[in-house]
PDB file of N, CA and C in Angstrom:
ATOM      1  N   MET A   1     135.731  81.779  44.064  1.00  0.00           N
ATOM      2  CA  MET A   1     135.046  81.565  45.329  1.00  0.00           C
ATOM      3  C   MET A   1     136.043  81.774  46.469  1.00  0.00           C
ATOM      4  N   SER A   2     135.631  82.527  47.480  1.00  0.00           N
ATOM      5  CA  SER A   2     136.553  82.834  48.571  1.00  0.00           C
ATOM      6  C   SER A   2     136.605  81.692  49.589  1.00  0.00           C
ATOM      7  N   LYS A   3     137.729  81.617  50.261  1.00  0.00           N
ATOM      8  CA  LYS A   3     137.888  80.626  51.317  1.00  0.00           C
ATOM      9  C   LYS A   3     137.014  80.996  52.495  1.00  0.00           C
ATOM     10  N   LYS A   4     136.437  79.962  53.122  1.00  0.00           N
ATOM     11  CA  LYS A   4     135.694  80.158  54.362  1.00  0.00           C
ATOM     12  C   LYS A   4     136.652  80.022  55.532  1.00  0.00           C
ATOM     13  N   ILE A   5     136.563  80.968  56.459  1.00  0.00           N
ATOM     14  CA  ILE A   5     137.388  80.959  57.659  1.00  0.00           C
ATOM     15  C   ILE A   5     136.463  80.983  58.863  1.00  0.00           C
ATOM     16  N   CYS A   6     136.686  80.101  59.821  1.00  0.00           N
ATOM     17  CA  CYS A   6     135.942  80.134  61.077  1.00  0.00           C
ATOM     18  C   CYS A   6     136.789  80.877  62.103  1.00  0.00           C
ATOM     19  N   LEU A   7     136.251  81.970  62.611  1.00  0.00           N
ATOM     20  CA  LEU A   7     136.925  82.790  63.612  1.00  0.00           C
ATOM     21  C   LEU A   7     136.290  82.513  64.960  1.00  0.00           C
ATOM     22  N   ILE A   8     137.076  82.009  65.912  1.00  0.00           N
ATOM     23  CA  ILE A   8     136.584  81.686  67.246  1.00  0.00           C
ATOM     24  C   ILE A   8     137.310  82.583  68.238  1.00  0.00           C
ATOM     25  N   GLU A   9     136.580  83.550  68.776  1.00  0.00           N
ATOM     26  CA  GLU A   9     137.162  84.572  69.666  1.00  0.00           C
ATOM     27  C   GLU A   9     136.068  85.051  70.620  1.00  0.00           C
ATOM     28  N   ASP A  10     136.355  84.999  71.927  1.00  0.00           N
ATOM     29  CA  ASP A  10     135.337  85.373  72.915  1.00  0.00           C
ATOM     30  C   ASP A  10     135.189  86.880  73.110  1.00  0.00           C
ATOM     31  N   ASP A  11     136.219  87.653  72.838  1.00  0.00           N
ATOM     32  CA  ASP A  11     136.154  89.106  73.015  1.00  0.00           C
ATOM     33  C   ASP A  11     135.498  89.716  71.775  1.00  0.00           C
ATOM     34  N   GLU A  12     134.308  90.283  71.954  1.00  0.00           N
ATOM     35  CA  GLU A  12     133.525  90.773  70.826  1.00  0.00           C
ATOM     36  C   GLU A  12     134.261  91.819  69.990  1.00  0.00           C
ATOM     37  N   LEU A  13     134.924  92.763  70.644  1.00  0.00           N
ATOM     38  CA  LEU A  13     135.633  93.806  69.892  1.00  0.00           C
ATOM     39  C   LEU A  13     136.790  93.237  69.083  1.00  0.00           C
ATOM     40  N   VAL A  14     137.544  92.324  69.684  1.00  0.00           N
ATOM     41  CA  VAL A  14     138.655  91.686  68.967  1.00  0.00           C
ATOM     42  C   VAL A  14     138.112  90.848  67.816  1.00  0.00           C
ATOM     43  N   ARG A  15     137.018  90.102  68.085  1.00  0.00           N
ATOM     44  CA  ARG A  15     136.411  89.277  67.038  1.00  0.00           C
ATOM     45  C   ARG A  15     135.958  90.140  65.857  1.00  0.00           C
ATOM     46  N   GLU A  16     135.315  91.263  66.150  1.00  0.00           N
ATOM     47  CA  GLU A  16     134.853  92.141  65.077  1.00  0.00           C
ATOM     48  C   GLU A  16     136.017  92.708  64.267  1.00  0.00           C
ATOM     49  N   ARG A  17     137.107  93.075  64.959  1.00  0.00           N
ATOM     50  CA  ARG A  17     138.266  93.631  64.261  1.00  0.00           C
ATOM     51  C   ARG A  17     138.914  92.586  63.352  1.00  0.00           C
ATOM     52  N   ILE A  18     139.110  91.370  63.877  1.00  0.00           N
ATOM     53  CA  ILE A  18     139.734  90.314  63.062  1.00  0.00           C
ATOM     54  C   ILE A  18     138.802  89.907  61.922  1.00  0.00           C
ATOM     55  N   ALA A  19     137.500  89.840  62.180  1.00  0.00           N
ATOM     56  CA  ALA A  19     136.542  89.502  61.119  1.00  0.00           C
ATOM     57  C   ALA A  19     136.585  90.544  60.007  1.00  0.00           C
ATOM     58  N   LEU A  20     136.689  91.804  60.381  1.00  0.00           N
ATOM     59  CA  LEU A  20     136.795  92.873  59.391  1.00  0.00           C
ATOM     60  C   LEU A  20     138.070  92.711  58.560  1.00  0.00           C
ATOM     61  N   GLN A  21     139.191  92.432  59.238  1.00  0.00           N
ATOM     62  CA  GLN A  21     140.451  92.223  58.516  1.00  0.00           C
ATOM     63  C   GLN A  21     140.321  91.060  57.534  1.00  0.00           C
ATOM     64  N   LEU A  22     139.759  89.948  58.001  1.00  0.00           N
ATOM     65  CA  LEU A  22     139.611  88.775  57.140  1.00  0.00           C
ATOM     66  C   LEU A  22     138.693  89.070  55.956  1.00  0.00           C
ATOM     67  N   GLY A  23     137.603  89.787  56.220  1.00  0.00           N
ATOM     68  CA  GLY A  23     136.690  90.164  55.142  1.00  0.00           C
ATOM     69  C   GLY A  23     137.365  91.043  54.109  1.00  0.00           C
ATOM     70  N   GLU A  24     138.169  92.009  54.574  1.00  0.00           N
ATOM     71  CA  GLU A  24     138.894  92.881  53.655  1.00  0.00           C
ATOM     72  C   GLU A  24     139.916  92.111  52.814  1.00  0.00           C
ATOM     73  N   LEU A  25     140.386  90.979  53.351  1.00  0.00           N
ATOM     74  CA  LEU A  25     141.317  90.131  52.602  1.00  0.00           C
ATOM     75  C   LEU A  25     140.591  89.220  51.614  1.00  0.00           C
ATOM     76  N   GLY A  26     139.254  89.261  51.630  1.00  0.00           N
ATOM     77  CA  GLY A  26     138.476  88.481  50.678  1.00  0.00           C
ATOM     78  C   GLY A  26     137.961  87.152  51.181  1.00  0.00           C
ATOM     79  N   TYR A  27     138.112  86.880  52.466  1.00  0.00           N
ATOM     80  CA  TYR A  27     137.628  85.620  53.025  1.00  0.00           C
ATOM     81  C   TYR A  27     136.173  85.743  53.463  1.00  0.00           C
ATOM     82  N   GLU A  28     135.444  84.646  53.385  1.00  0.00           N
ATOM     83  CA  GLU A  28     134.111  84.547  53.971  1.00  0.00           C
ATOM     84  C   GLU A  28     134.326  84.142  55.433  1.00  0.00           C
ATOM     85  N   VAL A  29     133.785  84.908  56.373  1.00  0.00           N
ATOM     86  CA  VAL A  29     134.078  84.700  57.793  1.00  0.00           C
ATOM     87  C   VAL A  29     132.855  84.175  58.527  1.00  0.00           C
ATOM     88  N   LEU A  30     133.035  83.030  59.177  1.00  0.00           N
ATOM     89  CA  LEU A  30     132.052  82.471  60.095  1.00  0.00           C
ATOM     90  C   LEU A  30     132.537  82.826  61.495  1.00  0.00           C
ATOM     91  N   GLN A  31     131.666  83.353  62.348  1.00  0.00           N
ATOM     92  CA  GLN A  31     132.107  83.815  63.663  1.00  0.00           C
ATOM     93  C   GLN A  31     131.469  83.023  64.792  1.00  0.00           C
ATOM     94  N   ALA A  32     132.292  82.739  65.805  1.00  0.00           N
ATOM     95  CA  ALA A  32     131.822  82.064  67.009  1.00  0.00           C
ATOM     96  C   ALA A  32     132.468  82.730  68.208  1.00  0.00           C
ATOM     97  N   ASP A  33     131.718  82.803  69.315  1.00  0.00           N
ATOM     98  CA  ASP A  33     132.286  83.435  70.507  1.00  0.00           C
ATOM     99  C   ASP A  33     132.773  82.436  71.545  1.00  0.00           C
ATOM    100  N   ASP A  34     132.710  81.134  71.224  1.00  0.00           N
ATOM    101  CA  ASP A  34     133.298  80.135  72.118  1.00  0.00           C
ATOM    102  C   ASP A  34     133.635  78.868  71.337  1.00  0.00           C
ATOM    103  N   GLY A  35     134.365  77.988  71.997  1.00  0.00           N
ATOM    104  CA  GLY A  35     134.842  76.783  71.332  1.00  0.00           C
ATOM    105  C   GLY A  35     133.743  75.851  70.868  1.00  0.00           C
ATOM    106  N   ASP A  36     132.689  75.692  71.668  1.00  0.00           N
ATOM    107  CA  ASP A  36     131.602  74.794  71.283  1.00  0.00           C
ATOM    108  C   ASP A  36     130.882  75.298  70.039  1.00  0.00           C
ATOM    109  N   GLU A  37     130.593  76.591  69.998  1.00  0.00           N
ATOM    110  CA  GLU A  37     129.926  77.175  68.833  1.00  0.00           C
ATOM    111  C   GLU A  37     130.821  77.071  67.601  1.00  0.00           C
ATOM    112  N   GLY A  38     132.115  77.323  67.774  1.00  0.00           N
ATOM    113  CA  GLY A  38     133.056  77.216  66.661  1.00  0.00           C
ATOM    114  C   GLY A  38     133.149  75.805  66.117  1.00  0.00           C
ATOM    115  N   LEU A  39     133.197  74.834  67.009  1.00  0.00           N
ATOM    116  CA  LEU A  39     133.260  73.433  66.598  1.00  0.00           C
ATOM    117  C   LEU A  39     132.010  73.064  65.797  1.00  0.00           C
ATOM    118  N   ALA A  40     130.846  73.531  66.243  1.00  0.00           N
ATOM    119  CA  ALA A  40     129.605  73.258  65.512  1.00  0.00           C
ATOM    120  C   ALA A  40     129.638  73.881  64.117  1.00  0.00           C
ATOM    121  N   LEU A  41     130.144  75.113  64.002  1.00  0.00           N
ATOM    122  CA  LEU A  41     130.262  75.763  62.690  1.00  0.00           C
ATOM    123  C   LEU A  41     131.193  74.974  61.776  1.00  0.00           C
ATOM    124  N   ILE A  42     132.298  74.507  62.325  1.00  0.00           N
ATOM    125  CA  ILE A  42     133.268  73.759  61.519  1.00  0.00           C
ATOM    126  C   ILE A  42     132.675  72.443  61.041  1.00  0.00           C
ATOM    127  N   GLU A  43     131.957  71.759  61.922  1.00  0.00           N
ATOM    128  CA  GLU A  43     131.327  70.495  61.522  1.00  0.00           C
ATOM    129  C   GLU A  43     130.269  70.730  60.441  1.00  0.00           C
ATOM    130  N   ARG A  44     129.516  71.816  60.545  1.00  0.00           N
ATOM    131  CA  ARG A  44     128.417  72.089  59.620  1.00  0.00           C
ATOM    132  C   ARG A  44     128.894  72.678  58.288  1.00  0.00           C
ATOM    133  N   ASP A  45     129.799  73.686  58.356  1.00  0.00           N
ATOM    134  CA  ASP A  45     130.150  74.461  57.163  1.00  0.00           C
ATOM    135  C   ASP A  45     131.477  74.087  56.520  1.00  0.00           C
ATOM    136  N   ARG A  46     132.275  73.289  57.171  1.00  0.00           N
ATOM    137  CA  ARG A  46     133.554  72.802  56.629  1.00  0.00           C
ATOM    138  C   ARG A  46     134.435  73.906  56.029  1.00  0.00           C
ATOM    139  N   PRO A  47     134.809  74.915  56.830  1.00  0.00           N
ATOM    140  CA  PRO A  47     135.703  75.958  56.315  1.00  0.00           C
ATOM    141  C   PRO A  47     137.098  75.393  56.042  1.00  0.00           C
ATOM    142  N   GLU A  48     137.858  76.132  55.250  1.00  0.00           N
ATOM    143  CA  GLU A  48     139.221  75.710  54.922  1.00  0.00           C
ATOM    144  C   GLU A  48     140.207  75.998  56.048  1.00  0.00           C
ATOM    145  N   ALA A  49     139.875  76.984  56.900  1.00  0.00           N
ATOM    146  CA  ALA A  49     140.790  77.367  57.976  1.00  0.00           C
ATOM    147  C   ALA A  49     139.999  77.873  59.174  1.00  0.00           C
ATOM    148  N   ALA A  50     140.677  77.875  60.328  1.00  0.00           N
ATOM    149  CA  ALA A  50     140.090  78.413  61.556  1.00  0.00           C
ATOM    150  C   ALA A  50     141.135  79.273  62.252  1.00  0.00           C
ATOM    151  N   VAL A  51     140.688  80.417  62.760  1.00  0.00           N
ATOM    152  CA  VAL A  51     141.519  81.297  63.575  1.00  0.00           C
ATOM    153  C   VAL A  51     140.932  81.211  64.982  1.00  0.00           C
ATOM    154  N   ILE A  52     141.743  80.743  65.927  1.00  0.00           N
ATOM    155  CA  ILE A  52     141.219  80.394  67.248  1.00  0.00           C
ATOM    156  C   ILE A  52     141.995  81.100  68.350  1.00  0.00           C
ATOM    157  N   ASP A  53     141.263  81.828  69.191  1.00  0.00           N
ATOM    158  CA  ASP A  53     141.844  82.427  70.387  1.00  0.00           C
ATOM    159  C   ASP A  53     142.138  81.303  71.379  1.00  0.00           C
ATOM    160  N   ILE A  54     143.212  81.418  72.103  1.00  0.00           N
ATOM    161  CA  ILE A  54     143.575  80.371  73.059  1.00  0.00           C
ATOM    162  C   ILE A  54     142.890  80.564  74.410  1.00  0.00           C
ATOM    163  N   LEU A  55     142.887  81.771  74.923  1.00  0.00           N
ATOM    164  CA  LEU A  55     142.331  82.022  76.256  1.00  0.00           C
ATOM    165  C   LEU A  55     140.868  82.435  76.145  1.00  0.00           C
ATOM    166  N   MET A  56     139.979  81.457  76.386  1.00  0.00           N
ATOM    167  CA  MET A  56     138.541  81.696  76.354  1.00  0.00           C
ATOM    168  C   MET A  56     137.916  80.966  77.530  1.00  0.00           C
ATOM    169  N   PRO A  57     136.806  81.498  78.043  1.00  0.00           N
ATOM    170  CA  PRO A  57     136.094  80.762  79.092  1.00  0.00           C
ATOM    171  C   PRO A  57     135.439  79.510  78.509  1.00  0.00           C
ATOM    172  N   GLY A  58     135.097  78.582  79.364  1.00  0.00           N
ATOM    173  CA  GLY A  58     134.494  77.329  78.888  1.00  0.00           C
ATOM    174  C   GLY A  58     135.539  76.491  78.195  1.00  0.00           C
ATOM    175  N   LYS A  59     135.230  76.049  76.987  1.00  0.00           N
ATOM    176  CA  LYS A  59     136.190  75.264  76.195  1.00  0.00           C
ATOM    177  C   LYS A  59     137.240  76.215  75.650  1.00  0.00           C
ATOM    178  N   ASP A  60     138.456  76.137  76.186  1.00  0.00           N
ATOM    179  CA  ASP A  60     139.505  77.060  75.750  1.00  0.00           C
ATOM    180  C   ASP A  60     140.020  76.663  74.368  1.00  0.00           C
ATOM    181  N   GLY A  61     140.923  77.475  73.845  1.00  0.00           N
ATOM    182  CA  GLY A  61     141.441  77.242  72.509  1.00  0.00           C
ATOM    183  C   GLY A  61     142.172  75.921  72.344  1.00  0.00           C
ATOM    184  N   LEU A  62     142.891  75.499  73.374  1.00  0.00           N
ATOM    185  CA  LEU A  62     143.621  74.231  73.286  1.00  0.00           C
ATOM    186  C   LEU A  62     142.655  73.059  73.171  1.00  0.00           C
ATOM    187  N   GLU A  63     141.606  73.061  73.981  1.00  0.00           N
ATOM    188  CA  GLU A  63     140.584  72.009  73.897  1.00  0.00           C
ATOM    189  C   GLU A  63     139.869  72.066  72.555  1.00  0.00           C
ATOM    190  N   THR A  64     139.614  73.275  72.081  1.00  0.00           N
ATOM    191  CA  THR A  64     138.920  73.461  70.804  1.00  0.00           C
ATOM    192  C   THR A  64     139.763  72.930  69.652  1.00  0.00           C
ATOM    193  N   ILE A  65     141.038  73.244  69.650  1.00  0.00           N
ATOM    194  CA  ILE A  65     141.932  72.745  68.593  1.00  0.00           C
ATOM    195  C   ILE A  65     141.939  71.222  68.584  1.00  0.00           C
ATOM    196  N   THR A  66     142.050  70.625  69.753  1.00  0.00           N
ATOM    197  CA  THR A  66     142.058  69.160  69.862  1.00  0.00           C
ATOM    198  C   THR A  66     140.772  68.569  69.296  1.00  0.00           C
ATOM    199  N   ALA A  67     139.634  69.159  69.645  1.00  0.00           N
ATOM    200  CA  ALA A  67     138.340  68.665  69.161  1.00  0.00           C
ATOM    201  C   ALA A  67     138.213  68.847  67.649  1.00  0.00           C
ATOM    202  N   ILE A  68     138.677  69.971  67.136  1.00  0.00           N
ATOM    203  CA  ILE A  68     138.596  70.233  65.693  1.00  0.00           C
ATOM    204  C   ILE A  68     139.447  69.229  64.922  1.00  0.00           C
ATOM    205  N   ARG A  69     140.618  68.920  65.419  1.00  0.00           N
ATOM    206  CA  ARG A  69     141.497  67.964  64.735  1.00  0.00           C
ATOM    207  C   ARG A  69     140.828  66.595  64.610  1.00  0.00           C
ATOM    208  N   ARG A  70     139.968  66.241  65.578  1.00  0.00           N
ATOM    209  CA  ARG A  70     139.270  64.948  65.514  1.00  0.00           C
ATOM    210  C   ARG A  70     138.216  64.927  64.407  1.00  0.00           C
ATOM    211  N   VAL A  71     137.528  66.056  64.189  1.00  0.00           N
ATOM    212  CA  VAL A  71     136.434  66.073  63.221  1.00  0.00           C
ATOM    213  C   VAL A  71     136.842  66.605  61.851  1.00  0.00           C
ATOM    214  N   SER A  72     137.914  67.373  61.808  1.00  0.00           N
ATOM    215  CA  SER A  72     138.355  67.971  60.545  1.00  0.00           C
ATOM    216  C   SER A  72     139.883  68.024  60.515  1.00  0.00           C
ATOM    217  N   PRO A  73     140.523  66.868  60.324  1.00  0.00           N
ATOM    218  CA  PRO A  73     141.980  66.802  60.443  1.00  0.00           C
ATOM    219  C   PRO A  73     142.761  67.643  59.433  1.00  0.00           C
ATOM    220  N   ASP A  74     142.151  68.002  58.311  1.00  0.00           N
ATOM    221  CA  ASP A  74     142.879  68.733  57.271  1.00  0.00           C
ATOM    222  C   ASP A  74     142.711  70.248  57.320  1.00  0.00           C
ATOM    223  N   ILE A  75     141.887  70.757  58.231  1.00  0.00           N
ATOM    224  CA  ILE A  75     141.671  72.191  58.312  1.00  0.00           C
ATOM    225  C   ILE A  75     142.959  72.887  58.757  1.00  0.00           C
ATOM    226  N   ARG A  76     143.219  74.060  58.228  1.00  0.00           N
ATOM    227  CA  ARG A  76     144.381  74.853  58.653  1.00  0.00           C
ATOM    228  C   ARG A  76     143.985  75.621  59.897  1.00  0.00           C
ATOM    229  N   ILE A  77     144.755  75.462  60.967  1.00  0.00           N
ATOM    230  CA  ILE A  77     144.438  76.103  62.243  1.00  0.00           C
ATOM    231  C   ILE A  77     145.491  77.145  62.583  1.00  0.00           C
ATOM    232  N   VAL A  78     144.997  78.372  62.809  1.00  0.00           N
ATOM    233  CA  VAL A  78     145.830  79.493  63.237  1.00  0.00           C
ATOM    234  C   VAL A  78     145.423  79.826  64.667  1.00  0.00           C
ATOM    235  N   ALA A  79     146.336  79.648  65.605  1.00  0.00           N
ATOM    236  CA  ALA A  79     146.071  79.968  67.006  1.00  0.00           C
ATOM    237  C   ALA A  79     146.572  81.376  67.300  1.00  0.00           C
ATOM    238  N   VAL A  80     145.770  82.154  68.042  1.00  0.00           N
ATOM    239  CA  VAL A  80     146.162  83.506  68.406  1.00  0.00           C
ATOM    240  C   VAL A  80     146.027  83.685  69.910  1.00  0.00           C
ATOM    241  N   SER A  81     146.929  84.497  70.482  1.00  0.00           N
ATOM    242  CA  SER A  81     146.851  84.787  71.910  1.00  0.00           C
ATOM    243  C   SER A  81     147.488  86.136  72.200  1.00  0.00           C
ATOM    244  N   GLY A  82     146.899  86.799  73.165  1.00  0.00           N
ATOM    245  CA  GLY A  82     147.455  88.065  73.631  1.00  0.00           C
ATOM    246  C   GLY A  82     148.198  87.905  74.931  1.00  0.00           C
ATOM    247  N   GLY A  83     148.150  86.729  75.516  1.00  0.00           N
ATOM    248  CA  GLY A  83     148.984  86.531  76.684  1.00  0.00           C
ATOM    249  C   GLY A  83     148.388  85.885  77.895  1.00  0.00           C
ATOM    250  N   GLY A  84     147.724  86.664  78.705  1.00  0.00           N
ATOM    251  CA  GLY A  84     147.390  86.147  80.016  1.00  0.00           C
ATOM    252  C   GLY A  84     148.514  86.484  80.973  1.00  0.00           C
ATOM    253  N   ARG A  85     148.544  85.823  82.080  1.00  0.00           N
ATOM    254  CA  ARG A  85     149.526  86.134  83.137  1.00  0.00           C
ATOM    255  C   ARG A  85     150.962  85.807  82.772  1.00  0.00           C
ATOM    256  N   VAL A  86     151.168  84.791  81.935  1.00  0.00           N
ATOM    257  CA  VAL A  86     152.533  84.361  81.634  1.00  0.00           C
ATOM    258  C   VAL A  86     153.004  84.776  80.249  1.00  0.00           C
ATOM    259  N   GLY A  87     152.205  85.547  79.545  1.00  0.00           N
ATOM    260  CA  GLY A  87     152.571  85.952  78.193  1.00  0.00           C
ATOM    261  C   GLY A  87     152.082  84.942  77.181  1.00  0.00           C
ATOM    262  N   PRO A  88     152.005  85.342  75.910  1.00  0.00           N
ATOM    263  CA  PRO A  88     151.390  84.485  74.890  1.00  0.00           C
ATOM    264  C   PRO A  88     152.220  83.287  74.456  1.00  0.00           C
ATOM    265  N   ARG A  89     153.524  83.363  74.549  1.00  0.00           N
ATOM    266  CA  ARG A  89     154.377  82.331  73.948  1.00  0.00           C
ATOM    267  C   ARG A  89     154.095  80.930  74.496  1.00  0.00           C
ATOM    268  N   ILE A  90     153.917  80.791  75.802  1.00  0.00           N
ATOM    269  CA  ILE A  90     153.692  79.454  76.364  1.00  0.00           C
ATOM    270  C   ILE A  90     152.396  78.855  75.832  1.00  0.00           C
ATOM    271  N   TYR A  91     151.346  79.671  75.720  1.00  0.00           N
ATOM    272  CA  TYR A  91     150.064  79.181  75.212  1.00  0.00           C
ATOM    273  C   TYR A  91     150.173  78.813  73.734  1.00  0.00           C
ATOM    274  N   LEU A  92     150.883  79.624  72.982  1.00  0.00           N
ATOM    275  CA  LEU A  92     151.013  79.356  71.554  1.00  0.00           C
ATOM    276  C   LEU A  92     151.882  78.125  71.300  1.00  0.00           C
ATOM    277  N   ASP A  93     152.900  77.909  72.128  1.00  0.00           N
ATOM    278  CA  ASP A  93     153.701  76.683  72.004  1.00  0.00           C
ATOM    279  C   ASP A  93     152.836  75.452  72.280  1.00  0.00           C
ATOM    280  N   LEU A  94     151.971  75.541  73.294  1.00  0.00           N
ATOM    281  CA  LEU A  94     151.054  74.442  73.599  1.00  0.00           C
ATOM    282  C   LEU A  94     150.069  74.222  72.455  1.00  0.00           C
ATOM    283  N   ALA A  95     149.618  75.307  71.839  1.00  0.00           N
ATOM    284  CA  ALA A  95     148.692  75.197  70.709  1.00  0.00           C
ATOM    285  C   ALA A  95     149.313  74.387  69.576  1.00  0.00           C
ATOM    286  N   CYS A  96     150.589  74.604  69.302  1.00  0.00           N
ATOM    287  CA  CYS A  96     151.277  73.826  68.266  1.00  0.00           C
ATOM    288  C   CYS A  96     151.343  72.355  68.644  1.00  0.00           C
ATOM    289  N   GLN A  97     151.551  72.092  69.915  1.00  0.00           N
ATOM    290  CA  GLN A  97     151.638  70.707  70.377  1.00  0.00           C
ATOM    291  C   GLN A  97     150.319  69.956  70.218  1.00  0.00           C
ATOM    292  N   VAL A  98     149.190  70.660  70.304  1.00  0.00           N
ATOM    293  CA  VAL A  98     147.891  69.985  70.176  1.00  0.00           C
ATOM    294  C   VAL A  98     147.301  70.072  68.771  1.00  0.00           C
ATOM    295  N   GLY A  99     148.007  70.731  67.834  1.00  0.00           N
ATOM    296  CA  GLY A  99     147.539  70.666  66.456  1.00  0.00           C
ATOM    297  C   GLY A  99     147.441  71.948  65.666  1.00  0.00           C
ATOM    298  N   ALA A 100     147.800  73.091  66.229  1.00  0.00           N
ATOM    299  CA  ALA A 100     147.776  74.328  65.443  1.00  0.00           C
ATOM    300  C   ALA A 100     148.885  74.281  64.392  1.00  0.00           C
ATOM    301  N   ASP A 101     148.578  74.799  63.209  1.00  0.00           N
ATOM    302  CA  ASP A 101     149.570  74.847  62.136  1.00  0.00           C
ATOM    303  C   ASP A 101     150.507  76.035  62.286  1.00  0.00           C
ATOM    304  N   VAL A 102     149.981  77.130  62.797  1.00  0.00           N
ATOM    305  CA  VAL A 102     150.756  78.358  62.940  1.00  0.00           C
ATOM    306  C   VAL A 102     150.154  79.165  64.078  1.00  0.00           C
ATOM    307  N   THR A 103     150.974  80.041  64.678  1.00  0.00           N
ATOM    308  CA  THR A 103     150.506  80.857  65.796  1.00  0.00           C
ATOM    309  C   THR A 103     150.834  82.322  65.545  1.00  0.00           C
ATOM    310  N   LEU A 104     149.987  83.192  66.105  1.00  0.00           N
ATOM    311  CA  LEU A 104     150.197  84.631  66.006  1.00  0.00           C
ATOM    312  C   LEU A 104     149.944  85.274  67.362  1.00  0.00           C
ATOM    313  N   VAL A 105     150.737  86.298  67.673  1.00  0.00           N
ATOM    314  CA  VAL A 105     150.550  87.072  68.902  1.00  0.00           C
ATOM    315  C   VAL A 105     149.646  88.261  68.577  1.00  0.00           C
ATOM    316  N   LYS A 106     148.635  88.469  69.416  1.00  0.00           N
ATOM    317  CA  LYS A 106     147.750  89.636  69.252  1.00  0.00           C
ATOM    318  C   LYS A 106     148.495  90.885  69.667  1.00  0.00           C
ATOM    319  N   PRO A 107     148.198  92.015  69.050  1.00  0.00           N
ATOM    320  CA  PRO A 107     147.256  92.184  67.950  1.00  0.00           C
ATOM    321  C   PRO A 107     147.861  91.678  66.648  1.00  0.00           C
ATOM    322  N   VAL A 108     147.005  91.122  65.784  1.00  0.00           N
ATOM    323  CA  VAL A 108     147.484  90.551  64.526  1.00  0.00           C
ATOM    324  C   VAL A 108     147.258  91.537  63.384  1.00  0.00           C
ATOM    325  N   THR A 109     148.155  91.519  62.438  1.00  0.00           N
ATOM    326  CA  THR A 109     148.027  92.375  61.260  1.00  0.00           C
ATOM    327  C   THR A 109     147.351  91.589  60.139  1.00  0.00           C
ATOM    328  N   SER A 110     146.823  92.294  59.179  1.00  0.00           N
ATOM    329  CA  SER A 110     146.199  91.651  58.018  1.00  0.00           C
ATOM    330  C   SER A 110     147.213  90.818  57.241  1.00  0.00           C
ATOM    331  N   ASP A 111     148.414  91.344  57.090  1.00  0.00           N
ATOM    332  CA  ASP A 111     149.450  90.596  56.368  1.00  0.00           C
ATOM    333  C   ASP A 111     149.801  89.298  57.081  1.00  0.00           C
ATOM    334  N   ALA A 112     149.896  89.350  58.406  1.00  0.00           N
ATOM    335  CA  ALA A 112     150.210  88.148  59.176  1.00  0.00           C
ATOM    336  C   ALA A 112     149.080  87.142  59.084  1.00  0.00           C
ATOM    337  N   LEU A 113     147.836  87.621  59.125  1.00  0.00           N
ATOM    338  CA  LEU A 113     146.688  86.719  58.986  1.00  0.00           C
ATOM    339  C   LEU A 113     146.710  86.009  57.633  1.00  0.00           C
ATOM    340  N   ARG A 114     146.892  86.778  56.578  1.00  0.00           N
ATOM    341  CA  ARG A 114     146.921  86.184  55.234  1.00  0.00           C
ATOM    342  C   ARG A 114     148.039  85.133  55.136  1.00  0.00           C
ATOM    343  N   ALA A 115     149.227  85.480  55.584  1.00  0.00           N
ATOM    344  CA  ALA A 115     150.354  84.531  55.515  1.00  0.00           C
ATOM    345  C   ALA A 115     150.071  83.281  56.320  1.00  0.00           C
ATOM    346  N   ALA A 116     149.473  83.439  57.492  1.00  0.00           N
ATOM    347  CA  ALA A 116     149.179  82.289  58.344  1.00  0.00           C
ATOM    348  C   ALA A 116     148.125  81.377  57.707  1.00  0.00           C
ATOM    349  N   ILE A 117     147.116  81.971  57.115  1.00  0.00           N
ATOM    350  CA  ILE A 117     146.035  81.185  56.507  1.00  0.00           C
ATOM    351  C   ILE A 117     146.487  80.520  55.217  1.00  0.00           C
ATOM    352  N   GLU A 118     147.233  81.240  54.419  1.00  0.00           N
ATOM    353  CA  GLU A 118     147.660  80.705  53.126  1.00  0.00           C
ATOM    354  C   GLU A 118     148.847  79.743  53.245  1.00  0.00           C
ATOM    355  N   GLY A 119     149.567  79.824  54.361  1.00  0.00           N
ATOM    356  CA  GLY A 119     150.682  78.911  54.590  1.00  0.00           C
ATOM    357  C   GLY A 119     151.866  79.256  53.766  1.00  0.00           C
TER     358      GLY A 119
END
C-alpha cells in the first residue's frame, strides 16, 4: 500500500508538476490549493506526510504547518518555497521553527522529494 501525501500548493501548474512527481514515485497524492482545504484533507484522510508551499494567499504555509501540528502531530511535513522578495531561505527557516521536518527550495526534484518524505 502506498503512502498518502497531502500536497498543499496554490499555484496550479506547480501543484500539478509536484503531484505528477509524487505519483511517479508511487505515492497516493491528495491535492489542496490552500491551507484550509489542506488541513481539512489531513483531518479527514490522515496522510503520512504533507508537502506544503509557504507563500500562499489566505492561510499561508506557516499558519498551515502550525494548525496541522495541532491536529496531526506525527505527520511528516515538508515545506517548500521558491522565494518571494527576500528569497526562500528565511521562509524555510521559519517553517522549521513552526514544525516542518524538512525544507526544499523550488523547483524540487523527484529525488529530493523522496528523500524529504522518507526521512
